[in-house]
Amino acid sequence: MLSKMGFSKLDFETEIQEMSEGQKKKVLIAKSISEQANIYIWDEPLNYIDIITRIQIEEAILKYNPTLIFVEHDETFIKKIATKIIRIEK
């Protein structure tokens, strides 16, 4: 999964605390996707994510169709992925 998100073999030797915020987010998403669950809960999954990884995440979600609750501010992602939207406003 991480290889598909742009990680090289050398990146696997890097301690997570030494990774960029984007790399850390990729690790967390890959870990989440790799674990079988009845429901996934993600908080702003696109923070620090580059466009190529974003497309890969969208494609994986659309392909595997997991039950997913997420908080995200990116309207394009929301419209592409969400089947139901709950907006909380002041």
PDB file of N, CA and C in Angstrom:
ATOM      1  N   MET A   1       0.834  -1.193   0.000  1.00  0.00           N
ATOM      2  CA  MET A   1       0.000   0.000   0.000  1.00  0.00           C
ATOM      3  C   MET A   1       0.876   1.253   0.000  1.00  0.00           C
ATOM      4  N   LEU A   2       1.895   1.282   0.855  1.00  0.00           N
ATOM      5  CA  LEU A   2       2.750   2.472   0.921  1.00  0.00           C
ATOM      6  C   LEU A   2       3.547   2.669  -0.364  1.00  0.00           C
ATOM      7  N   SER A   3       3.915   1.584  -1.006  1.00  0.00           N
ATOM      8  CA  SER A   3       4.624   1.706  -2.280  1.00  0.00           C
ATOM      9  C   SER A   3       3.747   2.415  -3.310  1.00  0.00           C
ATOM     10  N   LYS A   4       2.452   2.102  -3.300  1.00  0.00           N
ATOM     11  CA  LYS A   4       1.515   2.748  -4.216  1.00  0.00           C
ATOM     12  C   LYS A   4       1.342   4.230  -3.890  1.00  0.00           C
ATOM     13  N   MET A   5       1.666   4.610  -2.648  1.00  0.00           N
ATOM     14  CA  MET A   5       1.535   5.999  -2.226  1.00  0.00           C
ATOM     15  C   MET A   5       2.855   6.761  -2.346  1.00  0.00           C
ATOM     16  N   GLY A   6       3.799   6.179  -3.060  1.00  0.00           N
ATOM     17  CA  GLY A   6       5.029   6.902  -3.353  1.00  0.00           C
ATOM     18  C   GLY A   6       6.194   6.644  -2.408  1.00  0.00           C
ATOM     19  N   PHE A   7       6.083   5.693  -1.506  1.00  0.00           N
ATOM     20  CA  PHE A   7       7.197   5.371  -0.608  1.00  0.00           C
ATOM     21  C   PHE A   7       8.216   4.505  -1.336  1.00  0.00           C
ATOM     22  N   SER A   8       9.484   4.846  -1.152  1.00  0.00           N
ATOM     23  CA  SER A   8      10.560   4.025  -1.714  1.00  0.00           C
ATOM     24  C   SER A   8      11.046   3.057  -0.640  1.00  0.00           C
ATOM     25  N   LYS A   9      11.901   2.120  -1.027  1.00  0.00           N
ATOM     26  CA  LYS A   9      12.453   1.174  -0.053  1.00  0.00           C
ATOM     27  C   LYS A   9      13.211   1.899   1.056  1.00  0.00           C
ATOM     28  N   LEU A  10      13.878   2.989   0.715  1.00  0.00           N
ATOM     29  CA  LEU A  10      14.608   3.764   1.728  1.00  0.00           C
ATOM     30  C   LEU A  10      13.664   4.419   2.732  1.00  0.00           C
ATOM     31  N   ASP A  11      12.495   4.814   2.281  1.00  0.00           N
ATOM     32  CA  ASP A  11      11.519   5.434   3.185  1.00  0.00           C
ATOM     33  C   ASP A  11      11.089   4.477   4.299  1.00  0.00           C
ATOM     34  N   PHE A  12      11.104   3.181   4.028  1.00  0.00           N
ATOM     35  CA  PHE A  12      10.687   2.200   5.026  1.00  0.00           C
ATOM     36  C   PHE A  12      11.676   2.106   6.184  1.00  0.00           C
ATOM     37  N   GLU A  13      12.876   2.620   5.991  1.00  0.00           N
ATOM     38  CA  GLU A  13      13.891   2.599   7.047  1.00  0.00           C
ATOM     39  C   GLU A  13      13.821   3.850   7.928  1.00  0.00           C
ATOM     40  N   THR A  14      13.022   4.829   7.537  1.00  0.00           N
ATOM     41  CA  THR A  14      12.907   6.083   8.266  1.00  0.00           C
ATOM     42  C   THR A  14      11.973   5.913   9.465  1.00  0.00           C
ATOM     43  N   GLU A  15      12.394   6.428  10.616  1.00  0.00           N
ATOM     44  CA  GLU A  15      11.537   6.419  11.797  1.00  0.00           C
ATOM     45  C   GLU A  15      10.354   7.342  11.540  1.00  0.00           C
ATOM     46  N   ILE A  16       9.178   6.971  12.013  1.00  0.00           N
ATOM     47  CA  ILE A  16       7.979   7.765  11.723  1.00  0.00           C
ATOM     48  C   ILE A  16       8.092   9.190  12.251  1.00  0.00           C
ATOM     49  N   GLN A  17       8.760   9.392  13.392  1.00  0.00           N
ATOM     50  CA  GLN A  17       8.891  10.745  13.937  1.00  0.00           C
ATOM     51  C   GLN A  17       9.786  11.624  13.069  1.00  0.00           C
ATOM     52  N   GLU A  18      10.563  11.038  12.177  1.00  0.00           N
ATOM     53  CA  GLU A  18      11.425  11.785  11.265  1.00  0.00           C
ATOM     54  C   GLU A  18      10.749  12.078   9.925  1.00  0.00           C
ATOM     55  N   MET A  19       9.571  11.530   9.717  1.00  0.00           N
ATOM     56  CA  MET A  19       8.858  11.708   8.445  1.00  0.00           C
ATOM     57  C   MET A  19       8.161  13.059   8.400  1.00  0.00           C
ATOM     58  N   SER A  20       7.866  13.512   7.183  1.00  0.00           N
ATOM     59  CA  SER A  20       7.086  14.735   6.998  1.00  0.00           C
ATOM     60  C   SER A  20       5.642  14.460   7.423  1.00  0.00           C
ATOM     61  N   GLU A  21       4.870  15.521   7.585  1.00  0.00           N
ATOM     62  CA  GLU A  21       3.459  15.363   7.958  1.00  0.00           C
ATOM     63  C   GLU A  21       2.699  14.582   6.883  1.00  0.00           C
ATOM     64  N   GLY A  22       3.036  14.810   5.637  1.00  0.00           N
ATOM     65  CA  GLY A  22       2.393  14.078   4.544  1.00  0.00           C
ATOM     66  C   GLY A  22       2.710  12.591   4.585  1.00  0.00           C
ATOM     67  N   GLN A  23       3.967  12.260   4.856  1.00  0.00           N
ATOM     68  CA  GLN A  23       4.348  10.849   4.958  1.00  0.00           C
ATOM     69  C   GLN A  23       3.652  10.182   6.142  1.00  0.00           C
ATOM     70  N   LYS A  24       3.577  10.892   7.253  1.00  0.00           N
ATOM     71  CA  LYS A  24       2.890  10.340   8.431  1.00  0.00           C
ATOM     72  C   LYS A  24       1.423  10.067   8.114  1.00  0.00           C
ATOM     73  N   LYS A  25       0.782  10.991   7.423  1.00  0.00           N
ATOM     74  CA  LYS A  25      -0.631  10.820   7.072  1.00  0.00           C
ATOM     75  C   LYS A  25      -0.806   9.614   6.146  1.00  0.00           C
ATOM     76  N   LYS A  26       0.115   9.448   5.195  1.00  0.00           N
ATOM     77  CA  LYS A  26       0.050   8.293   4.293  1.00  0.00           C
ATOM     78  C   LYS A  26       0.168   6.988   5.075  1.00  0.00           C
ATOM     79  N   VAL A  27       1.072   6.946   6.048  1.00  0.00           N
ATOM     80  CA  VAL A  27       1.246   5.743   6.874  1.00  0.00           C
ATOM     81  C   VAL A  27      -0.054   5.438   7.625  1.00  0.00           C
ATOM     82  N   LEU A  28      -0.666   6.460   8.217  1.00  0.00           N
ATOM     83  CA  LEU A  28      -1.904   6.255   8.968  1.00  0.00           C
ATOM     84  C   LEU A  28      -3.047   5.775   8.083  1.00  0.00           C
ATOM     85  N   ILE A  29      -3.162   6.354   6.895  1.00  0.00           N
ATOM     86  CA  ILE A  29      -4.221   5.932   5.972  1.00  0.00           C
ATOM     87  C   ILE A  29      -3.975   4.503   5.489  1.00  0.00           C
ATOM     88  N   ALA A  30      -2.733   4.199   5.117  1.00  0.00           N
ATOM     89  CA  ALA A  30      -2.397   2.848   4.659  1.00  0.00           C
ATOM     90  C   ALA A  30      -2.663   1.822   5.765  1.00  0.00           C
ATOM     91  N   LYS A  31      -2.309   2.165   6.982  1.00  0.00           N
ATOM     92  CA  LYS A  31      -2.558   1.269   8.121  1.00  0.00           C
ATOM     93  C   LYS A  31      -4.054   1.050   8.291  1.00  0.00           C
ATOM     94  N   SER A  32      -4.808   2.122   8.235  1.00  0.00           N
ATOM     95  CA  SER A  32      -6.254   2.021   8.402  1.00  0.00           C
ATOM     96  C   SER A  32      -6.878   1.162   7.307  1.00  0.00           C
ATOM     97  N   ILE A  33      -6.517   1.439   6.063  1.00  0.00           N
ATOM     98  CA  ILE A  33      -7.072   0.684   4.935  1.00  0.00           C
ATOM     99  C   ILE A  33      -6.686  -0.797   5.009  1.00  0.00           C
ATOM    100  N   SER A  34      -5.502  -1.087   5.525  1.00  0.00           N
ATOM    101  CA  SER A  34      -5.000  -2.459   5.569  1.00  0.00           C
ATOM    102  C   SER A  34      -5.641  -3.299   6.668  1.00  0.00           C
ATOM    103  N   GLU A  35      -6.269  -2.644   7.629  1.00  0.00           N
ATOM    104  CA  GLU A  35      -6.903  -3.369   8.721  1.00  0.00           C
ATOM    105  C   GLU A  35      -8.377  -3.574   8.414  1.00  0.00           C
ATOM    106  N   GLN A  36      -8.839  -4.800   8.577  1.00  0.00           N
ATOM    107  CA  GLN A  36     -10.252  -5.084   8.318  1.00  0.00           C
ATOM    108  C   GLN A  36     -11.088  -4.473   9.436  1.00  0.00           C
ATOM    109  N   ALA A  37     -12.131  -3.749   9.054  1.00  0.00           N
ATOM    110  CA  ALA A  37     -13.018  -3.126  10.032  1.00  0.00           C
ATOM    111  C   ALA A  37     -14.426  -3.031   9.465  1.00  0.00           C
ATOM    112  N   ASN A  38     -15.405  -2.971  10.353  1.00  0.00           N
ATOM    113  CA  ASN A  38     -16.788  -2.777   9.914  1.00  0.00           C
ATOM    114  C   ASN A  38     -17.036  -1.330   9.532  1.00  0.00           C
ATOM    115  N   ILE A  39     -16.309  -0.422  10.185  1.00  0.00           N
ATOM    116  CA  ILE A  39     -16.456   1.001   9.907  1.00  0.00           C
ATOM    117  C   ILE A  39     -15.116   1.692  10.140  1.00  0.00           C
ATOM    118  N   TYR A  40     -14.799   2.624   9.262  1.00  0.00           N
ATOM    119  CA  TYR A  40     -13.576   3.410   9.372  1.00  0.00           C
ATOM    120  C   TYR A  40     -13.972   4.840   9.728  1.00  0.00           C
ATOM    121  N   ILE A  41     -13.219   5.451  10.627  1.00  0.00           N
ATOM    122  CA  ILE A  41     -13.471   6.835  11.004  1.00  0.00           C
ATOM    123  C   ILE A  41     -12.185   7.614  10.763  1.00  0.00           C
ATOM    124  N   TRP A  42     -12.258   8.588   9.856  1.00  0.00           N
ATOM    125  CA  TRP A  42     -11.070   9.376   9.483  1.00  0.00           C
ATOM    126  C   TRP A  42     -11.331  10.854   9.749  1.00  0.00           C
ATOM    127  N   ASP A  43     -10.350  11.501  10.313  1.00  0.00           N
ATOM    128  CA  ASP A  43     -10.414  12.938  10.566  1.00  0.00           C
ATOM    129  C   ASP A  43      -9.504  13.648   9.576  1.00  0.00           C
ATOM    130  N   GLU A  44     -10.099  14.393   8.667  1.00  0.00           N
ATOM    131  CA  GLU A  44      -9.390  15.145   7.642  1.00  0.00           C
ATOM    132  C   GLU A  44      -8.289  14.325   6.953  1.00  0.00           C
ATOM    133  N   PRO A  45      -8.690  13.299   6.230  1.00  0.00           N
ATOM    134  CA  PRO A  45      -7.710  12.411   5.604  1.00  0.00           C
ATOM    135  C   PRO A  45      -6.830  13.070   4.543  1.00  0.00           C
ATOM    136  N   LEU A  46      -7.247  14.200   4.003  1.00  0.00           N
ATOM    137  CA  LEU A  46      -6.456  14.820   2.931  1.00  0.00           C
ATOM    138  C   LEU A  46      -5.441  15.849   3.423  1.00  0.00           C
ATOM    139  N   ASN A  47      -5.416  16.124   4.715  1.00  0.00           N
ATOM    140  CA  ASN A  47      -4.408  17.073   5.217  1.00  0.00           C
ATOM    141  C   ASN A  47      -3.006  16.565   4.883  1.00  0.00           C
ATOM    142  N   TYR A  48      -2.194  17.421   4.290  1.00  0.00           N
ATOM    143  CA  TYR A  48      -0.786  17.148   3.955  1.00  0.00           C
ATOM    144  C   TYR A  48      -0.614  16.149   2.812  1.00  0.00           C
ATOM    145  N   ILE A  49      -1.699  15.780   2.127  1.00  0.00           N
ATOM    146  CA  ILE A  49      -1.621  14.761   1.081  1.00  0.00           C
ATOM    147  C   ILE A  49      -1.472  15.425  -0.291  1.00  0.00           C
ATOM    148  N   ASP A  50      -0.548  14.897  -1.099  1.00  0.00           N
ATOM    149  CA  ASP A  50      -0.343  15.413  -2.449  1.00  0.00           C
ATOM    150  C   ASP A  50      -1.450  14.905  -3.369  1.00  0.00           C
ATOM    151  N   ILE A  51      -1.559  15.507  -4.530  1.00  0.00           N
ATOM    152  CA  ILE A  51      -2.657  15.211  -5.457  1.00  0.00           C
ATOM    153  C   ILE A  51      -2.642  13.764  -5.946  1.00  0.00           C
ATOM    154  N   ILE A  52      -1.480  13.201  -6.190  1.00  0.00           N
ATOM    155  CA  ILE A  52      -1.416  11.812  -6.683  1.00  0.00           C
ATOM    156  C   ILE A  52      -1.915  10.848  -5.618  1.00  0.00           C
ATOM    157  N   THR A  53      -1.486  11.053  -4.375  1.00  0.00           N
ATOM    158  CA  THR A  53      -1.943  10.192  -3.283  1.00  0.00           C
ATOM    159  C   THR A  53      -3.441  10.371  -3.062  1.00  0.00           C
ATOM    160  N   ARG A  54      -3.894  11.599  -3.187  1.00  0.00           N
ATOM    161  CA  ARG A  54      -5.329  11.878  -3.032  1.00  0.00           C
ATOM    162  C   ARG A  54      -6.143  11.062  -4.036  1.00  0.00           C
ATOM    163  N   ILE A  55      -5.709  11.045  -5.275  1.00  0.00           N
ATOM    164  CA  ILE A  55      -6.390  10.279  -6.314  1.00  0.00           C
ATOM    165  C   ILE A  55      -6.371   8.790  -5.972  1.00  0.00           C
ATOM    166  N   GLN A  56      -5.240   8.311  -5.476  1.00  0.00           N
ATOM    167  CA  GLN A  56      -5.134   6.899  -5.103  1.00  0.00           C
ATOM    168  C   GLN A  56      -6.081   6.552  -3.950  1.00  0.00           C
ATOM    169  N   ILE A  57      -6.189   7.462  -2.982  1.00  0.00           N
ATOM    170  CA  ILE A  57      -7.108   7.249  -1.859  1.00  0.00           C
ATOM    171  C   ILE A  57      -8.554   7.216  -2.361  1.00  0.00           C
ATOM    172  N   GLU A  58      -8.914   8.168  -3.209  1.00  0.00           N
ATOM    173  CA  GLU A  58     -10.268   8.207  -3.770  1.00  0.00           C
ATOM    174  C   GLU A  58     -10.575   6.916  -4.528  1.00  0.00           C
ATOM    175  N   GLU A  59      -9.638   6.472  -5.357  1.00  0.00           N
ATOM    176  CA  GLU A  59      -9.853   5.259  -6.145  1.00  0.00           C
ATOM    177  C   GLU A  59     -10.011   4.038  -5.250  1.00  0.00           C
ATOM    178  N   ALA A  60      -9.210   3.951  -4.185  1.00  0.00           N
ATOM    179  CA  ALA A  60      -9.313   2.817  -3.262  1.00  0.00           C
ATOM    180  C   ALA A  60     -10.673   2.813  -2.559  1.00  0.00           C
ATOM    181  N   ILE A  61     -11.114   3.983  -2.125  1.00  0.00           N
ATOM    182  CA  ILE A  61     -12.415   4.074  -1.462  1.00  0.00           C
ATOM    183  C   ILE A  61     -13.532   3.683  -2.419  1.00  0.00           C
ATOM    184  N   LEU A  62     -13.492   4.202  -3.631  1.00  0.00           N
ATOM    185  CA  LEU A  62     -14.538   3.887  -4.610  1.00  0.00           C
ATOM    186  C   LEU A  62     -14.501   2.414  -5.022  1.00  0.00           C
ATOM    187  N   LYS A  63     -13.321   1.823  -5.073  1.00  0.00           N
ATOM    188  CA  LYS A  63     -13.194   0.420  -5.464  1.00  0.00           C
ATOM    189  C   LYS A  63     -13.689  -0.524  -4.368  1.00  0.00           C
ATOM    190  N   TYR A  64     -13.265  -0.291  -3.131  1.00  0.00           N
ATOM    191  CA  TYR A  64     -13.578  -1.215  -2.041  1.00  0.00           C
ATOM    192  C   TYR A  64     -14.851  -0.848  -1.281  1.00  0.00           C
ATOM    193  N   ASN A  65     -15.328   0.384  -1.465  1.00  0.00           N
ATOM    194  CA  ASN A  65     -16.594   0.833  -0.901  1.00  0.00           C
ATOM    195  C   ASN A  65     -16.741   0.520   0.593  1.00  0.00           C
ATOM    196  N   PRO A  66     -15.762   0.929   1.414  1.00  0.00           N
ATOM    197  CA  PRO A  66     -15.867   0.663   2.851  1.00  0.00           C
ATOM    198  C   PRO A  66     -16.917   1.568   3.499  1.00  0.00           C
ATOM    199  N   THR A  67     -17.418   1.151   4.646  1.00  0.00           N
ATOM    200  CA  THR A  67     -18.262   2.036   5.437  1.00  0.00           C
ATOM    201  C   THR A  67     -17.319   3.006   6.127  1.00  0.00           C
ATOM    202  N   LEU A  68     -17.483   4.272   5.824  1.00  0.00           N
ATOM    203  CA  LEU A  68     -16.513   5.279   6.231  1.00  0.00           C
ATOM    204  C   LEU A  68     -17.228   6.525   6.729  1.00  0.00           C
ATOM    205  N   ILE A  69     -16.836   6.975   7.906  1.00  0.00           N
ATOM    206  CA  ILE A  69     -17.284   8.270   8.417  1.00  0.00           C
ATOM    207  C   ILE A  69     -16.046   9.149   8.411  1.00  0.00           C
ATOM    208  N   PHE A  70     -16.153  10.305   7.774  1.00  0.00           N
ATOM    209  CA  PHE A  70     -14.977  11.174   7.741  1.00  0.00           C
ATOM    210  C   PHE A  70     -15.364  12.634   7.884  1.00  0.00           C
ATOM    211  N   VAL A  71     -14.423  13.391   8.415  1.00  0.00           N
ATOM    212  CA  VAL A  71     -14.539  14.840   8.510  1.00  0.00           C
ATOM    213  C   VAL A  71     -13.546  15.393   7.503  1.00  0.00           C
ATOM    214  N   GLU A  72     -14.016  16.222   6.604  1.00  0.00           N
ATOM    215  CA  GLU A  72     -13.132  16.762   5.567  1.00  0.00           C
ATOM    216  C   GLU A  72     -13.692  18.097   5.099  1.00  0.00           C
ATOM    217  N   HIS A  73     -12.803  19.012   4.757  1.00  0.00           N
ATOM    218  CA  HIS A  73     -13.216  20.322   4.283  1.00  0.00           C
ATOM    219  C   HIS A  73     -13.170  20.446   2.759  1.00  0.00           C
ATOM    220  N   ASP A  74     -12.600  19.476   2.098  1.00  0.00           N
ATOM    221  CA  ASP A  74     -12.457  19.513   0.648  1.00  0.00           C
ATOM    222  C   ASP A  74     -13.778  19.095  -0.003  1.00  0.00           C
ATOM    223  N   GLU A  75     -14.481  20.059  -0.570  1.00  0.00           N
ATOM    224  CA  GLU A  75     -15.799  19.813  -1.158  1.00  0.00           C
ATOM    225  C   GLU A  75     -15.755  18.817  -2.319  1.00  0.00           C
ATOM    226  N   THR A  76     -14.711  18.863  -3.119  1.00  0.00           N
ATOM    227  CA  THR A  76     -14.599  17.942  -4.254  1.00  0.00           C
ATOM    228  C   THR A  76     -14.516  16.498  -3.768  1.00  0.00           C
ATOM    229  N   PHE A  77     -13.687  16.260  -2.767  1.00  0.00           N
ATOM    230  CA  PHE A  77     -13.547  14.927  -2.177  1.00  0.00           C
ATOM    231  C   PHE A  77     -14.878  14.477  -1.584  1.00  0.00           C
ATOM    232  N   ILE A  78     -15.523  15.373  -0.855  1.00  0.00           N
ATOM    233  CA  ILE A  78     -16.804  15.043  -0.223  1.00  0.00           C
ATOM    234  C   ILE A  78     -17.830  14.626  -1.278  1.00  0.00           C
ATOM    235  N   LYS A  79     -17.956  15.416  -2.337  1.00  0.00           N
ATOM    236  CA  LYS A  79     -18.936  15.116  -3.380  1.00  0.00           C
ATOM    237  C   LYS A  79     -18.629  13.813  -4.102  1.00  0.00           C
ATOM    238  N   LYS A  80     -17.353  13.495  -4.240  1.00  0.00           N
ATOM    239  CA  LYS A  80     -16.960  12.281  -4.961  1.00  0.00           C
ATOM    240  C   LYS A  80     -17.140  11.023  -4.100  1.00  0.00           C
ATOM    241  N   ILE A  81     -16.915  11.137  -2.806  1.00  0.00           N
ATOM    242  CA  ILE A  81     -16.870   9.970  -1.932  1.00  0.00           C
ATOM    243  C   ILE A  81     -18.142   9.758  -1.107  1.00  0.00           C
ATOM    244  N   ALA A  82     -18.686  10.829  -0.567  1.00  0.00           N
ATOM    245  CA  ALA A  82     -19.791  10.705   0.390  1.00  0.00           C
ATOM    246  C   ALA A  82     -21.089  10.268  -0.261  1.00  0.00           C
ATOM    247  N   THR A  83     -21.820   9.418   0.448  1.00  0.00           N
ATOM    248  CA  THR A  83     -23.163   9.049   0.022  1.00  0.00           C
ATOM    249  C   THR A  83     -24.197   9.807   0.853  1.00  0.00           C
ATOM    250  N   LYS A  84     -23.807  10.229   2.042  1.00  0.00           N
ATOM    251  CA  LYS A  84     -24.640  11.068   2.904  1.00  0.00           C
ATOM    252  C   LYS A  84     -23.734  12.128   3.528  1.00  0.00           C
ATOM    253  N   ILE A  85     -24.274  13.327   3.659  1.00  0.00           N
ATOM    254  CA  ILE A  85     -23.496  14.440   4.211  1.00  0.00           C
ATOM    255  C   ILE A  85     -24.240  15.046   5.394  1.00  0.00           C
ATOM    256  N   ILE A  86     -23.537  15.229   6.487  1.00  0.00           N
ATOM    257  CA  ILE A  86     -24.078  15.919   7.655  1.00  0.00           C
ATOM    258  C   ILE A  86     -23.224  17.147   7.859  1.00  0.00           C
ATOM    259  N   ARG A  87     -23.849  18.311   7.810  1.00  0.00           N
ATOM    260  CA  ARG A  87     -23.135  19.573   8.001  1.00  0.00           C
ATOM    261  C   ARG A  87     -23.472  20.128   9.386  1.00  0.00           C
ATOM    262  N   ILE A  88     -22.426  20.516  10.096  1.00  0.00           N
ATOM    263  CA  ILE A  88     -22.610  21.135  11.398  1.00  0.00           C
ATOM    264  C   ILE A  88     -22.167  22.586  11.266  1.00  0.00           C
ATOM    265  N   GLU A  89     -23.097  23.475  11.493  1.00  0.00           N
ATOM    266  CA  GLU A  89     -22.819  24.900  11.353  1.00  0.00           C
ATOM    267  C   GLU A  89     -23.222  25.621  12.622  1.00  0.00           C
ATOM    268  N   LYS A  90     -22.705  26.838  12.780  1.00  0.00           N
ATOM    269  CA  LYS A  90     -23.059  27.637  13.953  1.00  0.00           C
ATOM    270  C   LYS A  90     -24.514  28.000  13.939  1.00  0.00           C
TER     271      LYS A  90
END
